[in-house]
Amino acid sequence: MDISTKTRISPNSVSLAGEFAALSRLALLGFDANMTLGRTKSVDILVSDPITNRLFQLEVKTNLLSRKSPASFSSLFGRILCSWMMNEKESISRPELWYCFVTIGLDSKIARYFVVPSRIVADYVRAEHRLWRKASPRNKDSAMRQFRIGFSGDKYRIPTPAADQYEDNWRFRR
């Protein structure tokens, strides 16, 4: 079956595809991982490291990219590789909580993973929202936030996580 941008893919299917892709990668890396069932808040996958016996929580956010060049530019936020919608409640920071931001290219059929500690995500999301609110009095407060992955060497108004730092960063064992 050919997946095209003309076919509407439900947000739930996109989320599940990202979670299963992350589970697959974790299994290949030797982690024991299980998807949480039901509506567990802020945790999609529970990860156990059999080498260190440490446990981790993974929240997965997934985007489908239909264009070949995923980079975009914002006059406020600069050049970004990709962004994911988040909620203000997701600005939680705990050492055992990590985020896996997944992009699945519909053209390339390739998944890319950006694995980021929750502290980095929480700091960025708070700074991003402050900057967005400050940029224009028309920007009313809302619960929606965005997390962006940028590029090393680019200049940003707020510290922006870079693709080369977090892509395939499955280093829970640190």
C-alpha atoms as a PDB file:
ATOM      1  CA  MET A   1       0.000   0.000   0.000  1.00  0.00           C
ATOM      2  CA  ASP A   2       1.366   3.401  -0.941  1.00  0.00           C
ATOM      3  CA  ILE A   3       1.113   6.110   1.704  1.00  0.00           C
ATOM      4  CA  SER A   4       0.549   9.442   0.064  1.00  0.00           C
ATOM      5  CA  THR A   5      -0.126  12.913   1.324  1.00  0.00           C
ATOM      6  CA  LYS A   6      -3.545  12.739  -0.357  1.00  0.00           C
ATOM      7  CA  THR A   7      -4.660  10.110   2.140  1.00  0.00           C
ATOM      8  CA  ARG A   8      -5.629  11.574   5.497  1.00  0.00           C
ATOM      9  CA  ILE A   9      -3.820   9.731   8.272  1.00  0.00           C
ATOM     10  CA  SER A  10      -5.443  10.104  11.684  1.00  0.00           C
ATOM     11  CA  PRO A  11      -3.403  11.783  14.445  1.00  0.00           C
ATOM     12  CA  ASN A  12      -3.828   8.650  16.557  1.00  0.00           C
ATOM     13  CA  SER A  13      -2.284   6.512  13.790  1.00  0.00           C
ATOM     14  CA  VAL A  14       0.634   8.948  13.477  1.00  0.00           C
ATOM     15  CA  SER A  15       1.207   8.796  17.249  1.00  0.00           C
ATOM     16  CA  LEU A  16       1.102   5.003  17.276  1.00  0.00           C
ATOM     17  CA  ALA A  17       3.485   4.795  14.310  1.00  0.00           C
ATOM     18  CA  GLY A  18       6.017   6.946  16.190  1.00  0.00           C
ATOM     19  CA  GLU A  19       5.665   4.906  19.373  1.00  0.00           C
ATOM     20  CA  PHE A  20       6.119   1.603  17.551  1.00  0.00           C
ATOM     21  CA  ALA A  21       9.097   3.006  15.631  1.00  0.00           C
ATOM     22  CA  ALA A  22      10.711   4.096  18.912  1.00  0.00           C
ATOM     23  CA  LEU A  23       9.979   0.672  20.469  1.00  0.00           C
ATOM     24  CA  SER A  24      11.620  -1.017  17.500  1.00  0.00           C
ATOM     25  CA  ARG A  25      14.751   1.121  17.803  1.00  0.00           C
ATOM     26  CA  LEU A  26      14.954   0.525  21.570  1.00  0.00           C
ATOM     27  CA  ALA A  27      14.691  -3.245  21.040  1.00  0.00           C
ATOM     28  CA  LEU A  28      17.497  -3.175  18.465  1.00  0.00           C
ATOM     29  CA  LEU A  29      19.669  -1.242  20.945  1.00  0.00           C
ATOM     30  CA  GLY A  30      19.181  -3.898  23.635  1.00  0.00           C
ATOM     31  CA  PHE A  31      16.730  -2.085  25.914  1.00  0.00           C
ATOM     32  CA  ASP A  32      13.640  -3.744  27.365  1.00  0.00           C
ATOM     33  CA  ALA A  33      10.776  -1.411  26.483  1.00  0.00           C
ATOM     34  CA  ASN A  34       7.013  -1.583  26.739  1.00  0.00           C
ATOM     35  CA  MET A  35       4.313   0.787  25.591  1.00  0.00           C
ATOM     36  CA  THR A  36       2.026   1.986  28.352  1.00  0.00           C
ATOM     37  CA  LEU A  37      -1.625   1.140  27.956  1.00  0.00           C
ATOM     38  CA  GLY A  38      -4.467   3.550  28.486  1.00  0.00           C
ATOM     39  CA  ARG A  39      -3.981   7.223  29.096  1.00  0.00           C
ATOM     40  CA  THR A  40      -0.811   7.274  31.213  1.00  0.00           C
ATOM     41  CA  LYS A  41       0.139  10.934  31.552  1.00  0.00           C
ATOM     42  CA  SER A  42       3.510  12.025  30.125  1.00  0.00           C
ATOM     43  CA  VAL A  43       4.706   8.460  29.530  1.00  0.00           C
ATOM     44  CA  ASP A  44       4.299   6.475  26.322  1.00  0.00           C
ATOM     45  CA  ILE A  45       7.064   3.909  26.797  1.00  0.00           C
ATOM     46  CA  LEU A  46       8.672   2.436  29.909  1.00  0.00           C
ATOM     47  CA  VAL A  47      12.326   1.563  29.300  1.00  0.00           C
ATOM     48  CA  SER A  48      14.497  -0.774  31.341  1.00  0.00           C
ATOM     49  CA  ASP A  49      18.239  -0.900  30.789  1.00  0.00           C
ATOM     50  CA  PRO A  50      19.366  -4.506  31.428  1.00  0.00           C
ATOM     51  CA  ILE A  51      23.005  -3.397  31.801  1.00  0.00           C
ATOM     52  CA  THR A  52      22.496  -0.748  34.501  1.00  0.00           C
ATOM     53  CA  ASN A  53      19.112  -1.929  35.850  1.00  0.00           C
ATOM     54  CA  ARG A  54      17.875   1.667  35.571  1.00  0.00           C
ATOM     55  CA  LEU A  55      14.356   2.570  34.508  1.00  0.00           C
ATOM     56  CA  PHE A  56      13.373   5.431  32.199  1.00  0.00           C
ATOM     57  CA  GLN A  57      10.173   6.970  30.932  1.00  0.00           C
ATOM     58  CA  LEU A  58       9.858   8.020  27.313  1.00  0.00           C
ATOM     59  CA  GLU A  59       7.284  10.433  25.914  1.00  0.00           C
ATOM     60  CA  VAL A  60       7.027  10.151  22.116  1.00  0.00           C
ATOM     61  CA  LYS A  61       5.959  13.000  19.818  1.00  0.00           C
ATOM     62  CA  THR A  62       5.594  12.250  16.098  1.00  0.00           C
ATOM     63  CA  ASN A  63       5.338  14.300  12.908  1.00  0.00           C
ATOM     64  CA  LEU A  64       4.752  13.140   9.361  1.00  0.00           C
ATOM     65  CA  LEU A  65       6.791  15.113   6.848  1.00  0.00           C
ATOM     66  CA  SER A  66       5.461  15.189   3.321  1.00  0.00           C
ATOM     67  CA  ARG A  67       8.064  17.516   1.851  1.00  0.00           C
ATOM     68  CA  LYS A  68      11.600  16.543   0.879  1.00  0.00           C
ATOM     69  CA  SER A  69      13.367  19.464   2.581  1.00  0.00           C
ATOM     70  CA  PRO A  70      12.112  19.592   6.162  1.00  0.00           C
ATOM     71  CA  ALA A  71      13.978  22.773   7.176  1.00  0.00           C
ATOM     72  CA  SER A  72      11.885  25.899   7.613  1.00  0.00           C
ATOM     73  CA  PHE A  73      12.546  29.458   8.743  1.00  0.00           C
ATOM     74  CA  SER A  74      10.776  31.654  11.273  1.00  0.00           C
ATOM     75  CA  SER A  75      11.721  35.306  11.751  1.00  0.00           C
ATOM     76  CA  LEU A  76      11.174  34.786  15.482  1.00  0.00           C
ATOM     77  CA  PHE A  77      12.694  31.336  16.016  1.00  0.00           C
ATOM     78  CA  GLY A  78      15.221  31.049  13.158  1.00  0.00           C
ATOM     79  CA  ARG A  79      15.971  28.069  10.924  1.00  0.00           C
ATOM     80  CA  ILE A  80      14.516  24.838  12.255  1.00  0.00           C
ATOM     81  CA  LEU A  81      14.636  21.265  11.098  1.00  0.00           C
ATOM     82  CA  CYS A  82      11.281  20.328  12.579  1.00  0.00           C
ATOM     83  CA  SER A  83       8.855  21.242  15.348  1.00  0.00           C
ATOM     84  CA  TRP A  84       6.304  19.386  17.430  1.00  0.00           C
ATOM     85  CA  MET A  85       3.191  20.695  19.138  1.00  0.00           C
ATOM     86  CA  MET A  86       3.135  20.292  22.888  1.00  0.00           C
ATOM     87  CA  ASN A  87       1.020  21.298  25.836  1.00  0.00           C
ATOM     88  CA  GLU A  88       2.100  23.524  28.731  1.00  0.00           C
ATOM     89  CA  LYS A  89       1.690  20.520  31.059  1.00  0.00           C
ATOM     90  CA  GLU A  90       4.561  18.885  29.198  1.00  0.00           C
ATOM     91  CA  SER A  91       7.119  21.276  30.599  1.00  0.00           C
ATOM     92  CA  ILE A  92       7.899  18.703  33.292  1.00  0.00           C
ATOM     93  CA  SER A  93      11.525  17.996  34.124  1.00  0.00           C
ATOM     94  CA  ARG A  94      12.583  14.740  35.797  1.00  0.00           C
ATOM     95  CA  PRO A  95      15.894  12.898  35.382  1.00  0.00           C
ATOM     96  CA  GLU A  96      14.167   9.646  34.378  1.00  0.00           C
ATOM     97  CA  LEU A  97      11.880  11.328  31.805  1.00  0.00           C
ATOM     98  CA  TRP A  98      13.093  11.686  28.206  1.00  0.00           C
ATOM     99  CA  TYR A  99      11.349  12.790  25.032  1.00  0.00           C
ATOM    100  CA  CYS A 100      11.667  11.022  21.699  1.00  0.00           C
ATOM    101  CA  PHE A 101      10.714  13.371  18.863  1.00  0.00           C
ATOM    102  CA  VAL A 102      10.093  11.333  15.732  1.00  0.00           C
ATOM    103  CA  THR A 103       9.805  12.548  12.156  1.00  0.00           C
ATOM    104  CA  ILE A 104       8.558  10.083   9.584  1.00  0.00           C
ATOM    105  CA  GLY A 105       9.136  11.115   5.984  1.00  0.00           C
ATOM    106  CA  LEU A 106       6.270  10.099   3.734  1.00  0.00           C
ATOM    107  CA  ASP A 107       8.475  10.521   0.652  1.00  0.00           C
ATOM    108  CA  SER A 108      11.578   8.844   2.048  1.00  0.00           C
ATOM    109  CA  LYS A 109       9.762   6.381   4.341  1.00  0.00           C
ATOM    110  CA  ILE A 110      12.559   6.992   6.852  1.00  0.00           C
ATOM    111  CA  ALA A 111      12.081   7.759  10.550  1.00  0.00           C
ATOM    112  CA  ARG A 112      14.434  10.099  12.373  1.00  0.00           C
ATOM    113  CA  TYR A 113      14.652  10.179  16.165  1.00  0.00           C
ATOM    114  CA  PHE A 114      15.674  13.085  18.387  1.00  0.00           C
ATOM    115  CA  VAL A 115      16.025  11.891  21.979  1.00  0.00           C
ATOM    116  CA  VAL A 116      16.140  14.779  24.438  1.00  0.00           C
ATOM    117  CA  PRO A 117      16.245  14.882  28.266  1.00  0.00           C
ATOM    118  CA  SER A 118      13.099  16.398  29.783  1.00  0.00           C
ATOM    119  CA  ARG A 119      15.109  19.223  31.378  1.00  0.00           C
ATOM    120  CA  ILE A 120      16.186  20.480  27.932  1.00  0.00           C
ATOM    121  CA  VAL A 121      12.615  20.191  26.627  1.00  0.00           C
ATOM    122  CA  ALA A 122      11.110  21.984  29.642  1.00  0.00           C
ATOM    123  CA  ASP A 123      13.656  24.830  29.465  1.00  0.00           C
ATOM    124  CA  TYR A 124      13.105  25.302  25.727  1.00  0.00           C
ATOM    125  CA  VAL A 125       9.301  25.171  25.911  1.00  0.00           C
ATOM    126  CA  ARG A 126       9.206  27.779  28.706  1.00  0.00           C
ATOM    127  CA  ALA A 127      11.633  30.112  26.887  1.00  0.00           C
ATOM    128  CA  GLU A 128       9.843  29.586  23.552  1.00  0.00           C
ATOM    129  CA  HIS A 129       6.486  30.564  25.032  1.00  0.00           C
ATOM    130  CA  ARG A 130       7.907  33.646  26.771  1.00  0.00           C
ATOM    131  CA  LEU A 131       9.537  34.793  23.520  1.00  0.00           C
ATOM    132  CA  TRP A 132       6.356  34.166  21.520  1.00  0.00           C
ATOM    133  CA  ARG A 133       4.231  36.125  24.048  1.00  0.00           C
ATOM    134  CA  LYS A 134       6.746  38.982  24.154  1.00  0.00           C
ATOM    135  CA  ALA A 135       6.957  39.202  20.345  1.00  0.00           C
ATOM    136  CA  SER A 136       3.452  40.602  19.927  1.00  0.00           C
ATOM    137  CA  PRO A 137       0.713  41.871  22.229  1.00  0.00           C
ATOM    138  CA  ARG A 138      -1.737  39.994  19.967  1.00  0.00           C
ATOM    139  CA  ASN A 139      -0.258  36.651  21.087  1.00  0.00           C
ATOM    140  CA  LYS A 140      -2.678  35.633  23.827  1.00  0.00           C
ATOM    141  CA  ASP A 141      -1.708  33.103  26.441  1.00  0.00           C
ATOM    142  CA  SER A 142      -2.583  29.545  25.546  1.00  0.00           C
ATOM    143  CA  ALA A 143      -1.733  26.039  26.705  1.00  0.00           C
ATOM    144  CA  MET A 144      -0.126  25.172  23.352  1.00  0.00           C
ATOM    145  CA  ARG A 145       3.646  25.175  22.997  1.00  0.00           C
ATOM    146  CA  GLN A 146       6.150  24.063  20.351  1.00  0.00           C
ATOM    147  CA  PHE A 147       9.423  22.237  20.652  1.00  0.00           C
ATOM    148  CA  ARG A 148      11.898  22.864  17.840  1.00  0.00           C
ATOM    149  CA  ILE A 149      15.102  21.221  16.689  1.00  0.00           C
ATOM    150  CA  GLY A 150      17.563  23.645  15.110  1.00  0.00           C
ATOM    151  CA  PHE A 151      21.033  23.492  13.614  1.00  0.00           C
ATOM    152  CA  SER A 152      24.490  23.764  15.196  1.00  0.00           C
ATOM    153  CA  GLY A 153      26.198  27.015  14.321  1.00  0.00           C
ATOM    154  CA  ASP A 154      22.970  28.935  13.679  1.00  0.00           C
ATOM    155  CA  LYS A 155      22.135  31.934  15.873  1.00  0.00           C
ATOM    156  CA  TYR A 156      18.896  31.793  17.861  1.00  0.00           C
ATOM    157  CA  ARG A 157      17.172  34.195  20.244  1.00  0.00           C
ATOM    158  CA  ILE A 158      16.796  31.393  22.789  1.00  0.00           C
ATOM    159  CA  PRO A 159      18.956  28.293  23.292  1.00  0.00           C
ATOM    160  CA  THR A 160      17.656  25.842  20.680  1.00  0.00           C
ATOM    161  CA  PRO A 161      18.507  22.132  20.726  1.00  0.00           C
ATOM    162  CA  ALA A 162      20.507  21.136  17.636  1.00  0.00           C
ATOM    163  CA  ALA A 163      19.828  18.138  15.408  1.00  0.00           C
ATOM    164  CA  ASP A 164      23.405  16.861  15.510  1.00  0.00           C
ATOM    165  CA  GLN A 165      23.373  16.876  19.319  1.00  0.00           C
ATOM    166  CA  TYR A 166      20.133  14.936  19.832  1.00  0.00           C
ATOM    167  CA  GLU A 167      19.562  12.801  16.740  1.00  0.00           C
ATOM    168  CA  ASP A 168      19.767   9.124  17.752  1.00  0.00           C
ATOM    169  CA  ASN A 169      20.793  10.200  21.267  1.00  0.00           C
ATOM    170  CA  TRP A 170      19.768   6.912  22.911  1.00  0.00           C
ATOM    171  CA  ARG A 171      22.292   7.400  25.737  1.00  0.00           C
ATOM    172  CA  PHE A 172      20.167   6.703  28.783  1.00  0.00           C
ATOM    173  CA  ARG A 173      23.169   4.826  30.228  1.00  0.00           C
ATOM    174  CA  ARG A 174      25.159   7.970  31.046  1.00  0.00           C
END
